[in-house]
Amino acid sequence: MIKELGPGLRLMVAFTILTGLIYPAVMTGICEAIFPGQSNGSLVRVDGKVVGSRLIGQSFSKPEYFHPRPSAAGSGYDATQSGGSNLGPTSAKLMLGVTAKDSSGKETVSFDGIEDRIVHYCVDNGIPYDSSIPLSQFKDAQGNLDDVKLIDAFNATTNPLSFTPKEPIPSDAVTGSASGLDPAISPANAELQLARVAKARGVSPERVKTLVAKFTRRADWGFMGEPRVNVLLLNVALDQQFPVGKQQSADASAGSKGAIAR
């Protein structure tokens, strides 16, 4: 019996070494030599410091940056918990959002919802809108929109809040991707954010628009996928060319460098 098992055991050891050690080592070496950037995660560096990956979305909320798609990955943009909301288009939770009470009994946002995101997108980017109730009634003492009040108003059984933008809002501006880590936004989404970013950086919209066009990637092979703008690469370029609070000439801005501060 041992004699019969011998060939099988030798083959198992041989293929374990071949496919478990030699093959991965050879493929890793080839990838490192031919595609060093991609094989190491397509990392983006600023002044020698890794600030992210061009393949993984991350949060940007300051007005001087282009904002990514919403994310349901973990608490948001968590690469260890990639995933979507798993809510369908007829879900009231997806559209209107929900609140919950924490351990102290305080009402907090459990899920913001598309309607709440539309409100913020319009306010942040100066998009005109019609609202059945003045938004001033939903602001806190600091003048910021209170999401709990907004969500409660959208879910009200009598006279719920009705909010209608006067311009079309790109779907990717208010909906997350299946992974929650989409690194890109649509050109239409970037176009609507352009004026806000230009104002925050003290430069003309035309100069920012030129930079957006530079980082707009067309559909692969002309038909695979959609045109998109990589948010991280664009924001890094903004910091390098148009530092916040320092309106510079094209020559001076070309040599400037800065780190990402979201």
Protein backbone atom coordinates (compact mmCIF):
# COMPACT_ATOMS: atom_id res chain seq x y z
CA MET A 1 0.00 0.00 0.00
CA ILE A 2 2.84 2.38 0.86
CA LYS A 3 4.37 1.59 -2.51
CA GLU A 4 1.12 2.58 -4.23
CA LEU A 5 0.84 5.82 -2.28
CA GLY A 6 4.42 6.84 -3.08
CA PRO A 7 3.85 8.21 -6.62
CA GLY A 8 0.81 10.19 -5.44
CA LEU A 9 2.69 11.74 -2.56
CA ARG A 10 5.65 12.62 -4.78
CA LEU A 11 3.33 14.26 -7.32
CA MET A 12 1.59 16.19 -4.56
CA VAL A 13 4.91 17.52 -3.23
CA ALA A 14 6.15 18.34 -6.76
CA PHE A 15 3.01 20.23 -7.79
CA THR A 16 2.83 22.00 -4.43
CA ILE A 17 6.33 23.34 -5.00
CA LEU A 18 5.66 24.08 -8.68
CA THR A 19 2.27 25.76 -8.42
CA GLY A 20 2.48 27.01 -4.84
CA LEU A 21 6.01 28.43 -4.83
CA ILE A 22 7.77 28.54 -8.19
CA TYR A 23 4.86 29.71 -10.36
CA PRO A 24 3.75 32.56 -8.02
CA ALA A 25 7.37 33.68 -7.59
CA VAL A 26 7.97 33.75 -11.36
CA MET A 27 4.70 35.58 -12.10
CA THR A 28 5.36 38.09 -9.32
CA GLY A 29 8.84 38.76 -10.73
CA ILE A 30 7.49 39.23 -14.26
CA CYS A 31 4.75 41.60 -13.06
CA GLU A 32 7.21 43.60 -10.98
CA ALA A 33 9.47 43.97 -14.02
CA ILE A 34 6.81 44.77 -16.63
CA PHE A 35 4.05 46.43 -14.55
CA PRO A 36 5.70 47.72 -11.36
CA GLY A 37 3.01 50.32 -10.61
CA GLN A 38 0.01 48.08 -11.16
CA SER A 39 1.50 45.08 -9.35
CA ASN A 40 2.02 47.20 -6.23
CA GLY A 41 -1.55 48.53 -6.08
CA SER A 42 -1.41 51.53 -8.44
CA LEU A 43 -0.37 53.72 -5.51
CA VAL A 44 -0.41 57.51 -5.74
CA ARG A 45 2.42 59.38 -4.02
CA VAL A 46 2.79 63.05 -3.16
CA ASP A 47 6.24 64.18 -2.04
CA GLY A 48 7.20 60.55 -1.54
CA LYS A 49 4.20 59.81 0.70
CA VAL A 50 1.46 57.39 -0.34
CA VAL A 51 -1.89 59.21 -0.36
CA GLY A 52 -4.00 56.45 -1.88
CA SER A 53 -4.55 54.23 -4.88
CA ARG A 54 -5.90 55.32 -8.23
CA LEU A 55 -8.13 52.20 -8.12
CA ILE A 56 -9.82 52.81 -4.74
CA GLY A 57 -12.15 55.67 -3.91
CA GLN A 58 -11.74 57.71 -0.75
CA SER A 59 -13.54 60.51 1.02
CA PHE A 60 -13.13 64.19 0.13
CA SER A 61 -15.52 66.66 1.76
CA LYS A 62 -13.78 70.06 1.72
CA PRO A 63 -15.11 72.60 -0.82
CA GLU A 64 -11.74 72.91 -2.56
CA TYR A 65 -11.85 69.27 -3.65
CA PHE A 66 -13.99 67.31 -6.07
CA HIS A 67 -16.19 64.93 -4.09
CA PRO A 68 -16.46 61.22 -4.91
CA ARG A 69 -19.54 59.05 -5.15
CA PRO A 70 -21.33 58.16 -1.89
CA SER A 71 -20.07 54.95 -0.30
CA ALA A 72 -21.74 52.18 1.69
CA ALA A 73 -18.48 50.30 2.27
CA GLY A 74 -18.29 49.96 6.05
CA SER A 75 -18.66 53.42 7.53
CA GLY A 76 -17.74 54.82 4.12
CA TYR A 77 -14.85 54.13 1.72
CA ASP A 78 -13.60 51.24 3.85
CA ALA A 79 -11.54 49.00 1.54
CA THR A 80 -11.78 46.13 4.04
CA GLN A 81 -15.60 46.14 3.83
CA SER A 82 -16.28 46.66 0.15
CA GLY A 83 -19.97 46.49 -0.72
CA GLY A 84 -23.11 48.37 -1.65
CA SER A 85 -26.23 49.21 0.33
CA ASN A 86 -28.15 46.23 -1.13
CA LEU A 87 -31.24 48.44 -1.34
CA GLY A 88 -33.44 48.29 -4.45
CA PRO A 89 -34.87 51.22 -6.46
CA THR A 90 -38.28 50.88 -4.77
CA SER A 91 -36.80 51.01 -1.25
CA ALA A 92 -38.14 53.84 0.88
CA LYS A 93 -34.99 53.62 2.97
CA LEU A 94 -32.82 54.19 -0.09
CA MET A 95 -34.85 57.17 -1.26
CA LEU A 96 -35.82 58.87 2.01
CA GLY A 97 -33.22 57.65 4.51
CA VAL A 98 -33.82 56.51 8.08
CA THR A 99 -32.80 57.61 11.57
CA ALA A 100 -32.18 55.63 14.75
CA LYS A 101 -31.53 56.34 18.41
CA ASP A 102 -28.10 55.71 19.88
CA SER A 103 -27.36 54.28 23.33
CA SER A 104 -28.01 57.66 24.94
CA GLY A 105 -31.38 58.04 23.24
CA LYS A 106 -30.21 60.69 20.77
CA GLU A 107 -31.63 60.48 17.27
CA THR A 108 -28.90 59.97 14.65
CA VAL A 109 -28.69 59.20 10.95
CA SER A 110 -28.75 55.46 10.24
CA PHE A 111 -28.84 55.86 6.44
CA ASP A 112 -28.93 59.23 4.71
CA GLY A 113 -30.89 58.37 1.56
CA ILE A 114 -30.88 59.83 -1.95
CA GLU A 115 -33.19 62.76 -1.20
CA ASP A 116 -30.91 64.00 1.60
CA ARG A 117 -27.89 63.64 -0.69
CA ILE A 118 -29.63 65.66 -3.39
CA VAL A 119 -30.24 68.49 -0.92
CA HIS A 120 -26.59 68.60 0.08
CA TYR A 121 -25.39 68.35 -3.53
CA CYS A 122 -27.55 71.29 -4.59
CA VAL A 123 -26.58 73.46 -1.62
CA ASP A 124 -22.87 72.64 -1.86
CA ASN A 125 -22.67 73.31 -5.59
CA GLY A 126 -25.06 76.25 -5.91
CA ILE A 127 -27.64 74.37 -7.97
CA PRO A 128 -31.07 76.10 -7.97
CA TYR A 129 -33.98 74.17 -6.49
CA ASP A 130 -37.57 74.31 -5.30
CA SER A 131 -38.33 73.29 -1.73
CA SER A 132 -41.78 72.97 -0.16
CA ILE A 133 -40.26 74.03 3.17
CA PRO A 134 -37.45 76.62 3.50
CA LEU A 135 -34.16 74.87 4.18
CA SER A 136 -33.44 77.43 6.88
CA GLN A 137 -35.80 75.42 9.10
CA PHE A 138 -33.43 72.45 8.90
CA LYS A 139 -30.24 74.21 9.95
CA ASP A 140 -28.49 73.94 13.30
CA ALA A 141 -27.05 76.77 15.41
CA GLN A 142 -23.90 76.83 13.25
CA GLY A 143 -25.90 77.20 10.05
CA ASN A 144 -25.27 73.65 8.84
CA LEU A 145 -28.00 71.41 7.49
CA ASP A 146 -29.27 68.97 10.12
CA ASP A 147 -29.61 65.60 8.38
CA VAL A 148 -31.83 64.16 11.11
CA LYS A 149 -34.35 66.96 10.62
CA LEU A 150 -34.20 66.58 6.84
CA ILE A 151 -34.73 62.83 6.91
CA ASP A 152 -37.60 63.15 9.39
CA ALA A 153 -39.18 65.76 7.09
CA PHE A 154 -38.84 63.52 4.02
CA ASN A 155 -40.48 60.65 5.97
CA ALA A 156 -43.27 62.73 7.48
CA THR A 157 -46.71 61.16 6.98
CA THR A 158 -48.35 64.57 6.57
CA ASN A 159 -46.89 67.32 4.41
CA PRO A 160 -43.53 65.62 3.76
CA LEU A 161 -40.69 67.73 2.46
CA SER A 162 -40.61 68.00 -1.33
CA PHE A 163 -37.28 69.03 -2.83
CA THR A 164 -36.77 69.39 -6.59
CA PRO A 165 -33.54 70.50 -8.28
CA LYS A 166 -33.96 72.78 -11.28
CA GLU A 167 -31.10 71.02 -13.06
CA PRO A 168 -30.60 67.29 -13.67
CA ILE A 169 -28.42 65.67 -11.00
CA PRO A 170 -26.07 62.93 -12.28
CA SER A 171 -27.01 59.59 -10.74
CA ASP A 172 -23.43 58.91 -9.61
CA ALA A 173 -23.52 62.09 -7.50
CA VAL A 174 -26.14 60.66 -5.13
CA THR A 175 -25.84 56.87 -5.46
CA GLY A 176 -23.03 54.55 -4.42
CA SER A 177 -21.40 51.90 -6.57
CA ALA A 178 -21.72 48.15 -5.94
CA SER A 179 -18.27 48.12 -4.32
CA GLY A 180 -18.55 51.43 -2.49
CA LEU A 181 -15.00 52.14 -3.67
CA ASP A 182 -15.48 53.59 -7.16
CA PRO A 183 -12.48 55.92 -7.71
CA ALA A 184 -14.13 57.93 -10.48
CA ILE A 185 -17.09 60.21 -11.11
CA SER A 186 -18.85 61.10 -14.35
CA PRO A 187 -17.80 64.18 -16.36
CA ALA A 188 -21.29 65.60 -15.73
CA ASN A 189 -20.79 65.25 -11.98
CA ALA A 190 -17.39 66.96 -12.20
CA GLU A 191 -18.90 69.75 -14.31
CA LEU A 192 -21.44 70.63 -11.62
CA GLN A 193 -18.76 70.71 -8.91
CA LEU A 194 -16.36 72.79 -10.96
CA ALA A 195 -17.56 76.26 -9.92
CA ARG A 196 -17.37 75.41 -6.21
CA VAL A 197 -13.83 74.07 -6.47
CA ALA A 198 -12.65 77.04 -8.56
CA LYS A 199 -14.13 79.52 -6.08
CA ALA A 200 -12.56 77.76 -3.09
CA ARG A 201 -9.15 77.84 -4.76
CA GLY A 202 -9.40 81.40 -6.07
CA VAL A 203 -8.91 80.52 -9.73
CA SER A 204 -11.09 80.83 -12.81
CA PRO A 205 -13.46 77.95 -13.64
CA GLU A 206 -11.83 77.70 -17.07
CA ARG A 207 -8.48 76.74 -15.54
CA VAL A 208 -10.05 74.07 -13.39
CA LYS A 209 -12.08 72.84 -16.37
CA THR A 210 -8.88 72.36 -18.34
CA LEU A 211 -7.48 70.23 -15.54
CA VAL A 212 -10.69 68.17 -15.36
CA ALA A 213 -10.44 67.47 -19.08
CA LYS A 214 -6.87 66.28 -18.60
CA PHE A 215 -7.99 63.65 -16.09
CA THR A 216 -11.11 62.58 -17.99
CA ARG A 217 -10.70 59.08 -19.37
CA ARG A 218 -12.86 57.96 -22.26
CA ALA A 219 -14.53 54.57 -22.56
CA ASP A 220 -11.97 51.77 -22.93
CA TRP A 221 -11.54 50.73 -26.56
CA GLY A 222 -14.17 53.33 -27.39
CA PHE A 223 -17.12 51.24 -26.19
CA MET A 224 -16.29 49.53 -22.88
CA GLY A 225 -17.53 51.45 -19.85
CA GLU A 226 -18.33 55.14 -19.57
CA PRO A 227 -16.20 58.31 -19.59
CA ARG A 228 -14.97 59.01 -16.07
CA VAL A 229 -12.82 61.35 -14.01
CA ASN A 230 -10.42 59.92 -11.41
CA VAL A 231 -11.14 61.92 -8.25
CA LEU A 232 -7.88 61.28 -6.38
CA LEU A 233 -5.62 62.07 -9.34
CA LEU A 234 -7.59 65.23 -10.08
CA ASN A 235 -7.48 66.44 -6.47
CA VAL A 236 -3.74 65.79 -6.23
CA ALA A 237 -3.22 67.83 -9.41
CA LEU A 238 -5.37 70.63 -7.98
CA ASP A 239 -3.18 70.86 -4.89
CA GLN A 240 -0.07 70.93 -7.04
CA GLN A 241 -1.25 73.55 -9.54
CA PHE A 242 -3.73 75.64 -7.55
CA PRO A 243 -2.86 75.61 -3.82
CA VAL A 244 -5.72 76.80 -1.64
CA GLY A 245 -5.63 80.54 -0.95
CA LYS A 246 -2.76 81.16 -3.36
CA GLN A 247 -3.91 82.33 -6.76
CA GLN A 248 -0.84 81.97 -8.94
CA SER A 249 0.16 82.35 -12.51
CA ALA A 250 0.37 79.25 -14.68
CA ASP A 251 4.17 79.26 -14.53
CA ALA A 252 4.34 79.53 -10.76
CA SER A 253 1.63 76.95 -10.12
CA ALA A 254 3.27 74.39 -12.38
CA GLY A 255 6.11 73.92 -9.91
CA SER A 256 4.10 73.91 -6.68
CA LYS A 257 3.49 70.80 -4.61
CA GLY A 258 1.13 69.99 -1.75
CA ALA A 259 -0.19 67.07 0.25
CA ILE A 260 -3.79 65.95 0.32
CA ALA A 261 -5.75 67.39 3.27
CA ARG A 262 -9.34 66.23 2.93
